[in-house]
N, C-alpha and C. Protein backbone atom coordinates (compact mmCIF):
# COMPACT_ATOMS: atom_id res chain seq x y z
N MET A 1 -55.43 -56.38 0.15
CA MET A 1 -56.52 -56.49 1.08
C MET A 1 -57.65 -55.59 0.58
N LYS A 2 -58.81 -56.14 0.50
CA LYS A 2 -59.96 -55.42 -0.01
C LYS A 2 -60.26 -54.20 0.89
N GLY A 3 -60.37 -53.06 0.25
CA GLY A 3 -60.71 -51.84 0.97
C GLY A 3 -59.52 -51.07 1.53
N PHE A 4 -58.32 -51.60 1.38
CA PHE A 4 -57.14 -50.91 1.92
C PHE A 4 -56.38 -50.23 0.80
N THR A 5 -56.36 -48.91 0.84
CA THR A 5 -55.56 -48.12 -0.09
C THR A 5 -54.92 -46.99 0.70
N ARG A 6 -53.84 -46.46 0.16
CA ARG A 6 -53.15 -45.33 0.77
C ARG A 6 -52.71 -44.39 -0.33
N GLU A 7 -52.70 -43.13 -0.03
CA GLU A 7 -52.19 -42.15 -0.99
C GLU A 7 -50.67 -42.20 -1.04
N GLU A 8 -50.03 -42.39 0.11
CA GLU A 8 -48.58 -42.39 0.20
C GLU A 8 -48.05 -43.81 0.13
N THR A 9 -47.43 -44.17 -1.00
CA THR A 9 -46.92 -45.53 -1.17
C THR A 9 -45.40 -45.61 -1.04
N ARG A 10 -44.73 -44.48 -0.83
CA ARG A 10 -43.26 -44.50 -0.73
C ARG A 10 -42.79 -44.83 0.67
N PHE A 11 -43.60 -44.54 1.67
CA PHE A 11 -43.26 -44.78 3.07
C PHE A 11 -44.43 -45.55 3.67
N SER A 12 -44.16 -46.76 4.11
CA SER A 12 -45.24 -47.66 4.47
C SER A 12 -45.93 -47.32 5.79
N LEU A 13 -47.05 -47.94 5.96
CA LEU A 13 -47.85 -47.84 7.18
C LEU A 13 -47.01 -48.14 8.41
N CYS A 14 -46.17 -49.17 8.33
CA CYS A 14 -45.38 -49.63 9.48
C CYS A 14 -44.06 -48.88 9.60
N GLY A 15 -43.68 -48.09 8.61
CA GLY A 15 -42.48 -47.29 8.70
C GLY A 15 -41.32 -47.75 7.83
N LEU A 16 -41.56 -48.65 6.90
CA LEU A 16 -40.50 -49.07 5.98
C LEU A 16 -40.49 -48.13 4.77
N ASN A 17 -39.31 -47.90 4.24
CA ASN A 17 -39.16 -47.03 3.07
C ASN A 17 -39.37 -47.84 1.80
N CYS A 18 -40.61 -47.98 1.39
CA CYS A 18 -40.94 -48.78 0.21
C CYS A 18 -40.19 -48.33 -1.03
N CYS A 19 -40.04 -47.03 -1.22
CA CYS A 19 -39.44 -46.54 -2.47
C CYS A 19 -37.98 -46.91 -2.60
N LEU A 20 -37.36 -47.44 -1.55
CA LEU A 20 -35.96 -47.87 -1.62
C LEU A 20 -35.83 -49.39 -1.62
N CYS A 21 -36.93 -50.08 -1.60
CA CYS A 21 -36.94 -51.55 -1.53
C CYS A 21 -36.70 -52.14 -2.93
N SER A 22 -35.89 -53.18 -2.98
CA SER A 22 -35.59 -53.79 -4.28
C SER A 22 -36.85 -54.39 -4.92
N MET A 23 -37.81 -54.84 -4.13
CA MET A 23 -39.05 -55.38 -4.69
C MET A 23 -39.89 -54.25 -5.33
N TYR A 24 -39.92 -53.10 -4.69
CA TYR A 24 -40.62 -51.94 -5.23
C TYR A 24 -39.94 -51.48 -6.52
N LEU A 25 -38.60 -51.42 -6.49
CA LEU A 25 -37.84 -50.99 -7.66
C LEU A 25 -38.04 -51.92 -8.84
N GLY A 26 -38.16 -53.22 -8.55
CA GLY A 26 -38.32 -54.20 -9.60
C GLY A 26 -39.74 -54.31 -10.12
N GLY A 27 -40.66 -53.55 -9.53
CA GLY A 27 -42.05 -53.59 -9.96
C GLY A 27 -42.82 -54.78 -9.42
N TYR A 28 -42.26 -55.47 -8.41
CA TYR A 28 -42.93 -56.64 -7.85
C TYR A 28 -43.91 -56.26 -6.75
N CYS A 29 -43.80 -55.05 -6.24
CA CYS A 29 -44.68 -54.58 -5.17
C CYS A 29 -44.96 -53.10 -5.42
N PRO A 30 -46.20 -52.66 -5.29
CA PRO A 30 -46.53 -51.27 -5.55
C PRO A 30 -46.32 -50.35 -4.35
N GLY A 31 -45.81 -50.89 -3.26
CA GLY A 31 -45.70 -50.10 -2.04
C GLY A 31 -46.94 -50.31 -1.19
N CYS A 32 -46.84 -49.97 0.04
CA CYS A 32 -47.89 -50.24 1.02
C CYS A 32 -49.23 -49.62 0.60
N GLY A 33 -50.18 -50.48 0.34
CA GLY A 33 -51.52 -50.02 0.00
C GLY A 33 -51.68 -49.52 -1.41
N GLY A 34 -50.71 -49.82 -2.27
CA GLY A 34 -50.77 -49.31 -3.63
C GLY A 34 -51.46 -50.23 -4.61
N GLY A 35 -52.07 -51.29 -4.16
CA GLY A 35 -52.75 -52.21 -5.07
C GLY A 35 -52.30 -53.63 -4.80
N ALA A 36 -52.06 -54.39 -5.85
CA ALA A 36 -51.64 -55.78 -5.68
C ALA A 36 -50.28 -55.81 -5.00
N GLY A 37 -49.97 -56.90 -4.37
CA GLY A 37 -48.73 -57.03 -3.61
C GLY A 37 -49.07 -57.71 -2.30
N ASN A 38 -48.43 -57.31 -1.23
CA ASN A 38 -48.66 -57.93 0.07
C ASN A 38 -49.92 -57.34 0.71
N GLN A 39 -51.03 -57.67 0.15
CA GLN A 39 -52.29 -57.11 0.64
C GLN A 39 -52.87 -57.87 1.83
N SER A 40 -52.21 -58.93 2.26
CA SER A 40 -52.69 -59.64 3.45
C SER A 40 -51.97 -59.14 4.70
N CYS A 41 -51.37 -58.00 4.63
CA CYS A 41 -50.57 -57.42 5.70
C CYS A 41 -51.40 -57.19 6.96
N ALA A 42 -50.88 -57.67 8.09
CA ALA A 42 -51.57 -57.50 9.38
C ALA A 42 -51.68 -56.02 9.75
N PHE A 43 -50.70 -55.22 9.35
CA PHE A 43 -50.75 -53.79 9.65
C PHE A 43 -51.87 -53.11 8.86
N ALA A 44 -52.11 -53.57 7.62
CA ALA A 44 -53.20 -53.02 6.82
C ALA A 44 -54.54 -53.35 7.45
N ARG A 45 -54.69 -54.59 7.88
CA ARG A 45 -55.95 -54.99 8.56
C ARG A 45 -56.17 -54.13 9.80
N CYS A 46 -55.12 -53.96 10.57
CA CYS A 46 -55.21 -53.16 11.79
C CYS A 46 -55.56 -51.71 11.47
N SER A 47 -54.96 -51.15 10.42
CA SER A 47 -55.27 -49.78 10.02
C SER A 47 -56.75 -49.62 9.72
N LEU A 48 -57.30 -50.58 8.99
CA LEU A 48 -58.73 -50.53 8.67
C LEU A 48 -59.57 -50.61 9.94
N GLN A 49 -59.15 -51.45 10.89
CA GLN A 49 -59.88 -51.59 12.15
C GLN A 49 -59.80 -50.32 13.00
N HIS A 50 -58.76 -49.51 12.78
CA HIS A 50 -58.58 -48.28 13.54
C HIS A 50 -58.95 -47.04 12.71
N GLY A 51 -59.82 -47.19 11.76
CA GLY A 51 -60.34 -46.05 11.01
C GLY A 51 -59.51 -45.63 9.82
N GLY A 52 -58.61 -46.47 9.37
CA GLY A 52 -57.83 -46.16 8.18
C GLY A 52 -56.69 -45.19 8.42
N ILE A 53 -56.02 -45.31 9.56
CA ILE A 53 -54.89 -44.41 9.84
C ILE A 53 -53.82 -44.58 8.76
N SER A 54 -53.09 -43.51 8.50
CA SER A 54 -52.08 -43.52 7.45
C SER A 54 -50.76 -44.13 7.89
N PHE A 55 -50.42 -43.99 9.16
CA PHE A 55 -49.17 -44.51 9.70
C PHE A 55 -49.43 -45.06 11.09
N CYS A 56 -48.82 -46.17 11.40
CA CYS A 56 -49.02 -46.82 12.70
C CYS A 56 -48.74 -45.87 13.86
N TRP A 57 -47.75 -44.99 13.69
CA TRP A 57 -47.41 -44.11 14.81
C TRP A 57 -48.54 -43.15 15.18
N GLU A 58 -49.55 -43.04 14.33
CA GLU A 58 -50.70 -42.19 14.64
C GLU A 58 -51.66 -42.88 15.60
N CYS A 59 -51.50 -44.16 15.80
CA CYS A 59 -52.38 -44.95 16.66
C CYS A 59 -51.94 -44.82 18.12
N PRO A 60 -52.90 -44.64 19.03
CA PRO A 60 -52.54 -44.53 20.45
C PRO A 60 -51.93 -45.82 21.01
N GLU A 61 -52.10 -46.94 20.32
CA GLU A 61 -51.55 -48.22 20.79
C GLU A 61 -50.15 -48.49 20.26
N TYR A 62 -49.60 -47.58 19.44
CA TYR A 62 -48.27 -47.77 18.86
C TYR A 62 -47.20 -47.58 19.91
N PRO A 63 -46.16 -48.41 19.90
CA PRO A 63 -45.99 -49.66 19.15
C PRO A 63 -46.74 -50.79 19.84
N CYS A 64 -47.39 -51.60 19.06
CA CYS A 64 -48.20 -52.68 19.60
C CYS A 64 -47.49 -54.03 19.44
N SER A 65 -48.18 -55.08 19.81
CA SER A 65 -47.59 -56.42 19.77
C SER A 65 -47.25 -56.87 18.35
N ARG A 66 -47.84 -56.26 17.33
CA ARG A 66 -47.51 -56.64 15.95
C ARG A 66 -46.03 -56.37 15.62
N TYR A 67 -45.42 -55.49 16.39
CA TYR A 67 -44.03 -55.14 16.15
C TYR A 67 -43.04 -56.07 16.87
N LYS A 68 -43.53 -56.98 17.66
CA LYS A 68 -42.64 -57.90 18.37
C LYS A 68 -41.87 -58.74 17.34
N GLY A 69 -40.56 -58.60 17.33
CA GLY A 69 -39.70 -59.34 16.41
C GLY A 69 -39.71 -58.81 14.99
N PHE A 70 -40.45 -57.77 14.72
CA PHE A 70 -40.60 -57.24 13.36
C PHE A 70 -39.27 -56.80 12.76
N ASP A 71 -38.42 -56.21 13.56
CA ASP A 71 -37.16 -55.68 13.05
C ASP A 71 -35.98 -56.64 13.23
N ASP A 72 -36.26 -57.88 13.63
CA ASP A 72 -35.19 -58.84 13.89
C ASP A 72 -34.52 -59.37 12.63
N GLY A 73 -35.21 -59.36 11.53
CA GLY A 73 -34.64 -59.84 10.27
C GLY A 73 -34.92 -58.84 9.18
N ASP A 74 -34.09 -58.85 8.17
CA ASP A 74 -34.29 -57.89 7.08
C ASP A 74 -33.83 -58.47 5.76
N SER A 75 -34.04 -59.76 5.57
CA SER A 75 -33.56 -60.37 4.33
C SER A 75 -34.38 -59.91 3.12
N PHE A 76 -35.51 -59.31 3.34
CA PHE A 76 -36.35 -58.82 2.25
C PHE A 76 -36.22 -57.31 2.11
N VAL A 77 -36.46 -56.60 3.18
CA VAL A 77 -36.35 -55.15 3.22
C VAL A 77 -35.56 -54.81 4.49
N PRO A 78 -34.61 -53.89 4.43
CA PRO A 78 -33.88 -53.55 5.65
C PRO A 78 -34.78 -52.95 6.72
N HIS A 79 -35.00 -53.73 7.75
CA HIS A 79 -35.83 -53.27 8.87
C HIS A 79 -35.01 -52.52 9.91
N ARG A 80 -33.70 -52.63 9.86
CA ARG A 80 -32.85 -52.11 10.94
C ARG A 80 -33.07 -50.64 11.24
N ASN A 81 -33.35 -49.84 10.26
CA ASN A 81 -33.51 -48.40 10.48
C ASN A 81 -34.96 -47.97 10.61
N ARG A 82 -35.89 -48.89 10.63
CA ARG A 82 -37.30 -48.54 10.62
C ARG A 82 -37.65 -47.60 11.77
N ARG A 83 -37.24 -47.93 12.99
CA ARG A 83 -37.59 -47.08 14.13
C ARG A 83 -36.97 -45.69 13.98
N GLN A 84 -35.72 -45.64 13.52
CA GLN A 84 -35.06 -44.35 13.30
C GLN A 84 -35.77 -43.57 12.20
N ASP A 85 -36.19 -44.26 11.15
CA ASP A 85 -36.88 -43.60 10.05
C ASP A 85 -38.22 -43.02 10.50
N VAL A 86 -38.94 -43.77 11.31
CA VAL A 86 -40.22 -43.28 11.84
C VAL A 86 -39.96 -42.04 12.70
N ALA A 87 -38.96 -42.11 13.58
CA ALA A 87 -38.65 -40.96 14.43
C ALA A 87 -38.25 -39.75 13.60
N LYS A 88 -37.48 -39.99 12.55
CA LYS A 88 -37.04 -38.89 11.68
C LYS A 88 -38.23 -38.28 10.94
N ALA A 89 -39.12 -39.12 10.42
CA ALA A 89 -40.31 -38.62 9.70
C ALA A 89 -41.19 -37.80 10.64
N ARG A 90 -41.31 -38.25 11.86
CA ARG A 90 -42.13 -37.52 12.83
C ARG A 90 -41.48 -36.19 13.21
N ALA A 91 -40.16 -36.20 13.40
CA ALA A 91 -39.45 -34.99 13.82
C ALA A 91 -39.38 -33.95 12.70
N LEU A 92 -39.07 -34.40 11.48
CA LEU A 92 -38.93 -33.47 10.35
C LEU A 92 -40.27 -33.04 9.76
N GLY A 93 -41.25 -33.92 9.90
CA GLY A 93 -42.51 -33.76 9.19
C GLY A 93 -42.46 -34.62 7.95
N LEU A 94 -43.59 -35.17 7.56
CA LEU A 94 -43.64 -36.13 6.47
C LEU A 94 -43.13 -35.55 5.15
N ASP A 95 -43.50 -34.31 4.83
CA ASP A 95 -43.08 -33.73 3.55
C ASP A 95 -41.55 -33.60 3.46
N ALA A 96 -40.92 -33.12 4.53
CA ALA A 96 -39.46 -32.97 4.53
C ALA A 96 -38.79 -34.34 4.47
N TYR A 97 -39.34 -35.31 5.19
CA TYR A 97 -38.77 -36.65 5.16
C TYR A 97 -38.90 -37.27 3.77
N LEU A 98 -40.06 -37.10 3.15
CA LEU A 98 -40.26 -37.63 1.80
C LEU A 98 -39.35 -36.95 0.78
N ALA A 99 -39.01 -35.68 1.01
CA ALA A 99 -38.05 -35.00 0.14
C ALA A 99 -36.68 -35.66 0.24
N GLN A 100 -36.30 -36.06 1.45
CA GLN A 100 -35.03 -36.77 1.62
C GLN A 100 -35.09 -38.14 0.95
N LEU A 101 -36.22 -38.83 1.09
CA LEU A 101 -36.38 -40.12 0.41
C LEU A 101 -36.29 -39.95 -1.10
N LYS A 102 -36.85 -38.87 -1.61
CA LYS A 102 -36.78 -38.60 -3.05
C LYS A 102 -35.33 -38.45 -3.50
N GLU A 103 -34.52 -37.76 -2.70
CA GLU A 103 -33.11 -37.59 -3.04
C GLU A 103 -32.38 -38.94 -2.96
N LYS A 104 -32.69 -39.72 -1.93
CA LYS A 104 -32.08 -41.05 -1.82
C LYS A 104 -32.48 -41.91 -3.02
N ARG A 105 -33.74 -41.82 -3.42
CA ARG A 105 -34.20 -42.61 -4.56
C ARG A 105 -33.47 -42.19 -5.84
N ALA A 106 -33.20 -40.89 -6.01
CA ALA A 106 -32.47 -40.41 -7.18
C ALA A 106 -31.05 -40.98 -7.18
N ILE A 107 -30.43 -41.05 -6.01
CA ILE A 107 -29.10 -41.64 -5.90
C ILE A 107 -29.16 -43.12 -6.25
N LEU A 108 -30.16 -43.80 -5.73
CA LEU A 108 -30.32 -45.23 -6.03
C LEU A 108 -30.54 -45.45 -7.52
N ASP A 109 -31.37 -44.61 -8.14
CA ASP A 109 -31.59 -44.72 -9.58
C ASP A 109 -30.29 -44.53 -10.36
N GLU A 110 -29.47 -43.57 -9.93
CA GLU A 110 -28.18 -43.31 -10.57
C GLU A 110 -27.26 -44.53 -10.43
N LEU A 111 -27.21 -45.10 -9.24
CA LEU A 111 -26.37 -46.28 -9.01
C LEU A 111 -26.82 -47.45 -9.88
N THR A 112 -28.12 -47.70 -9.91
CA THR A 112 -28.60 -48.86 -10.68
C THR A 112 -28.48 -48.62 -12.18
N ALA A 113 -28.59 -47.38 -12.62
CA ALA A 113 -28.49 -47.09 -14.06
C ALA A 113 -27.06 -47.15 -14.58
N HIS A 114 -26.09 -46.74 -13.77
CA HIS A 114 -24.73 -46.59 -14.29
C HIS A 114 -23.67 -47.49 -13.64
N TYR A 115 -24.04 -48.13 -12.52
CA TYR A 115 -23.03 -48.91 -11.79
C TYR A 115 -23.50 -50.34 -11.48
N ASN A 116 -24.61 -50.74 -12.02
CA ASN A 116 -25.14 -52.08 -11.72
C ASN A 116 -24.70 -53.08 -12.79
N ASP A 117 -23.96 -54.06 -12.37
CA ASP A 117 -23.50 -55.10 -13.29
C ASP A 117 -24.47 -56.29 -13.34
N GLY A 118 -25.69 -56.06 -12.88
CA GLY A 118 -26.69 -57.12 -12.88
C GLY A 118 -26.76 -57.89 -11.57
N ARG A 119 -25.84 -57.56 -10.65
CA ARG A 119 -25.79 -58.29 -9.39
C ARG A 119 -25.81 -57.36 -8.19
N ARG A 120 -26.07 -56.09 -8.38
CA ARG A 120 -25.87 -55.11 -7.29
C ARG A 120 -27.13 -54.39 -6.81
N LYS A 121 -28.28 -54.65 -7.43
CA LYS A 121 -29.48 -53.88 -7.08
C LYS A 121 -29.82 -53.99 -5.60
N THR A 122 -29.77 -55.19 -5.04
CA THR A 122 -30.10 -55.36 -3.63
C THR A 122 -29.07 -54.67 -2.75
N LEU A 123 -27.79 -54.81 -3.08
CA LEU A 123 -26.76 -54.14 -2.30
C LEU A 123 -26.93 -52.63 -2.37
N PHE A 124 -27.17 -52.11 -3.56
CA PHE A 124 -27.34 -50.66 -3.71
C PHE A 124 -28.57 -50.18 -2.92
N SER A 125 -29.69 -50.89 -3.01
CA SER A 125 -30.88 -50.45 -2.29
C SER A 125 -30.66 -50.55 -0.78
N THR A 126 -29.95 -51.57 -0.33
CA THR A 126 -29.65 -51.71 1.09
C THR A 126 -28.75 -50.57 1.56
N ALA A 127 -27.71 -50.28 0.80
CA ALA A 127 -26.79 -49.20 1.18
C ALA A 127 -27.52 -47.86 1.21
N VAL A 128 -28.33 -47.58 0.20
CA VAL A 128 -29.06 -46.31 0.16
C VAL A 128 -30.07 -46.24 1.30
N TYR A 129 -30.67 -47.37 1.63
CA TYR A 129 -31.63 -47.43 2.72
C TYR A 129 -30.95 -47.15 4.06
N LEU A 130 -29.77 -47.74 4.28
CA LEU A 130 -29.15 -47.69 5.60
C LEU A 130 -28.21 -46.51 5.82
N LEU A 131 -27.56 -46.03 4.78
CA LEU A 131 -26.58 -44.96 4.96
C LEU A 131 -27.25 -43.59 5.02
N PRO A 132 -26.71 -42.70 5.84
CA PRO A 132 -27.25 -41.33 5.89
C PRO A 132 -27.07 -40.63 4.54
N LEU A 133 -27.95 -39.71 4.26
CA LEU A 133 -27.94 -38.99 2.99
C LEU A 133 -26.61 -38.30 2.73
N GLU A 134 -26.00 -37.71 3.76
CA GLU A 134 -24.73 -37.01 3.54
C GLU A 134 -23.63 -37.99 3.09
N ASP A 135 -23.65 -39.22 3.59
CA ASP A 135 -22.66 -40.21 3.14
C ASP A 135 -22.92 -40.61 1.69
N LEU A 136 -24.18 -40.74 1.33
CA LEU A 136 -24.51 -41.10 -0.05
C LEU A 136 -24.10 -40.00 -1.02
N ARG A 137 -24.31 -38.76 -0.61
CA ARG A 137 -23.87 -37.64 -1.44
C ARG A 137 -22.36 -37.70 -1.65
N SER A 138 -21.62 -38.01 -0.58
CA SER A 138 -20.16 -38.10 -0.67
C SER A 138 -19.73 -39.23 -1.60
N VAL A 139 -20.42 -40.34 -1.53
CA VAL A 139 -20.11 -41.47 -2.43
C VAL A 139 -20.32 -41.05 -3.88
N MET A 140 -21.40 -40.36 -4.15
CA MET A 140 -21.67 -39.94 -5.53
C MET A 140 -20.63 -38.92 -6.00
N VAL A 141 -20.20 -38.02 -5.12
CA VAL A 141 -19.14 -37.06 -5.47
C VAL A 141 -17.86 -37.82 -5.78
N ALA A 142 -17.54 -38.82 -4.95
CA ALA A 142 -16.33 -39.62 -5.16
C ALA A 142 -16.40 -40.35 -6.50
N LEU A 143 -17.55 -40.90 -6.83
CA LEU A 143 -17.70 -41.58 -8.13
C LEU A 143 -17.58 -40.59 -9.28
N ASP A 144 -18.20 -39.42 -9.12
CA ASP A 144 -18.14 -38.40 -10.18
C ASP A 144 -16.73 -37.85 -10.36
N SER A 145 -15.92 -37.91 -9.31
CA SER A 145 -14.55 -37.38 -9.39
C SER A 145 -13.60 -38.35 -10.10
N ARG A 146 -14.13 -39.47 -10.52
CA ARG A 146 -13.32 -40.46 -11.24
C ARG A 146 -13.84 -40.59 -12.67
N PRO A 147 -13.53 -39.62 -13.53
CA PRO A 147 -14.05 -39.65 -14.90
C PRO A 147 -13.59 -40.87 -15.69
N GLU A 148 -12.50 -41.48 -15.29
CA GLU A 148 -12.02 -42.68 -16.00
C GLU A 148 -13.00 -43.84 -15.87
N LEU A 149 -13.89 -43.80 -14.88
CA LEU A 149 -14.88 -44.86 -14.73
C LEU A 149 -15.80 -44.96 -15.95
N ALA A 150 -16.06 -43.83 -16.59
CA ALA A 150 -16.94 -43.82 -17.76
C ALA A 150 -16.40 -44.69 -18.88
N GLU A 151 -15.08 -44.84 -18.93
CA GLU A 151 -14.44 -45.64 -19.98
C GLU A 151 -14.33 -47.12 -19.60
N GLN A 152 -14.61 -47.44 -18.34
CA GLN A 152 -14.44 -48.80 -17.86
C GLN A 152 -15.71 -49.62 -18.04
N SER A 153 -15.56 -50.92 -17.92
CA SER A 153 -16.72 -51.82 -18.05
C SER A 153 -17.66 -51.60 -16.88
N VAL A 154 -18.90 -52.02 -17.05
CA VAL A 154 -19.89 -51.87 -15.99
C VAL A 154 -19.46 -52.67 -14.75
N LYS A 155 -18.78 -53.77 -14.95
CA LYS A 155 -18.30 -54.55 -13.81
C LYS A 155 -17.29 -53.75 -12.99
N GLU A 156 -16.39 -53.06 -13.65
CA GLU A 156 -15.40 -52.23 -12.96
C GLU A 156 -16.07 -51.04 -12.28
N ARG A 157 -17.05 -50.45 -12.94
CA ARG A 157 -17.79 -49.34 -12.32
C ARG A 157 -18.54 -49.83 -11.09
N ALA A 158 -19.15 -51.02 -11.18
CA ALA A 158 -19.88 -51.60 -10.04
C ALA A 158 -18.94 -51.83 -8.87
N LEU A 159 -17.76 -52.35 -9.14
CA LEU A 159 -16.79 -52.60 -8.06
C LEU A 159 -16.38 -51.29 -7.38
N ALA A 160 -16.20 -50.23 -8.15
CA ALA A 160 -15.85 -48.92 -7.58
C ALA A 160 -16.98 -48.41 -6.69
N ALA A 161 -18.21 -48.51 -7.17
CA ALA A 161 -19.35 -48.05 -6.38
C ALA A 161 -19.47 -48.85 -5.09
N VAL A 162 -19.33 -50.16 -5.20
CA VAL A 162 -19.41 -51.02 -4.01
C VAL A 162 -18.32 -50.64 -3.01
N GLU A 163 -17.11 -50.39 -3.52
CA GLU A 163 -15.99 -50.02 -2.64
C GLU A 163 -16.31 -48.74 -1.87
N PHE A 164 -16.79 -47.71 -2.56
CA PHE A 164 -17.12 -46.45 -1.89
C PHE A 164 -18.26 -46.62 -0.88
N LEU A 165 -19.28 -47.36 -1.27
CA LEU A 165 -20.40 -47.59 -0.36
C LEU A 165 -19.95 -48.39 0.87
N GLN A 166 -19.13 -49.40 0.65
CA GLN A 166 -18.65 -50.20 1.77
C GLN A 166 -17.78 -49.38 2.71
N GLU A 167 -16.93 -48.52 2.17
CA GLU A 167 -16.11 -47.64 3.00
C GLU A 167 -16.98 -46.72 3.86
N ALA A 168 -18.04 -46.18 3.26
CA ALA A 168 -18.96 -45.31 4.01
C ALA A 168 -19.65 -46.11 5.11
N ALA A 169 -20.06 -47.33 4.79
CA ALA A 169 -20.72 -48.18 5.78
C ALA A 169 -19.75 -48.55 6.90
N ASP A 170 -18.52 -48.87 6.55
CA ASP A 170 -17.52 -49.23 7.56
C ASP A 170 -17.24 -48.07 8.52
N ARG A 171 -17.19 -46.85 7.99
CA ARG A 171 -16.97 -45.67 8.85
C ARG A 171 -18.09 -45.53 9.88
N ARG A 172 -19.29 -45.92 9.51
CA ARG A 172 -20.45 -45.82 10.41
C ARG A 172 -20.72 -47.12 11.17
N VAL A 173 -19.91 -48.12 10.92
CA VAL A 173 -20.09 -49.46 11.51
C VAL A 173 -21.50 -49.98 11.17
N ILE A 174 -21.81 -49.92 9.89
CA ILE A 174 -23.08 -50.41 9.37
C ILE A 174 -22.80 -51.61 8.48
N SER A 175 -23.46 -52.70 8.75
CA SER A 175 -23.32 -53.88 7.90
C SER A 175 -24.30 -53.78 6.74
N LEU A 176 -23.80 -54.00 5.53
CA LEU A 176 -24.67 -53.97 4.35
C LEU A 176 -25.22 -55.36 4.03
N LYS A 177 -24.88 -56.34 4.85
CA LYS A 177 -25.43 -57.69 4.65
C LYS A 177 -26.80 -57.76 5.30
N LEU A 178 -27.72 -58.42 4.61
CA LEU A 178 -29.07 -58.58 5.14
C LEU A 178 -29.11 -59.82 6.03
N SER A 179 -29.98 -59.78 7.02
CA SER A 179 -30.09 -60.87 7.99
C SER A 179 -31.45 -61.53 7.90
N LYS A 180 -31.45 -62.84 7.91
CA LYS A 180 -32.72 -63.57 7.93
C LYS A 180 -33.30 -63.49 9.33
N LYS A 181 -34.61 -63.50 9.39
CA LYS A 181 -35.31 -63.48 10.67
C LYS A 181 -35.00 -64.77 11.41
N PRO A 182 -34.67 -64.69 12.70
CA PRO A 182 -34.41 -65.92 13.45
C PRO A 182 -35.64 -66.80 13.48
N LYS A 183 -35.42 -68.09 13.39
CA LYS A 183 -36.54 -69.04 13.43
C LYS A 183 -37.06 -69.16 14.85
N GLU A 184 -38.37 -69.19 14.97
CA GLU A 184 -38.98 -69.32 16.29
C GLU A 184 -38.94 -70.77 16.74
N GLY A 185 -38.86 -70.93 18.04
CA GLY A 185 -38.96 -72.27 18.63
C GLY A 185 -37.68 -72.93 18.70
């Protein structure tokens, strides 16, 4: 969108964690307001109309009608934790929250670099997006405690990583499957 830019591209205007999105990781999207990508975003237009606010929660009208049904589907980016993420960013402060995102991103980079068999990037980004940081740290410790994985094929390493992530998700009753937005009408 012409005239819409943001300094912070890791955490979007609407509260999605861009830096953990598989589209951002793949270089298909620069993050909210980072240049080419989804520049026809209704939230970006609204931000410009409201003086260029950095995050929707700064607006006195938040949450507005643009959020109706917004979190109902997450087949592209996990929307399920968006409200919790916004609340956490507000409670911790943006810098502390971004530090946590940076650590999550490092874990995601480690998973994709050493445990991705070419079919796991979306699962890994979804798991890192949805699971609490302490669970992700535990998964990485569990993977590191299995030195025999280094000798195994990438497919076997991927299966081990998926198993640990799924166990962590099951303990929290978190589904790692993405959901399509329900069709209207």
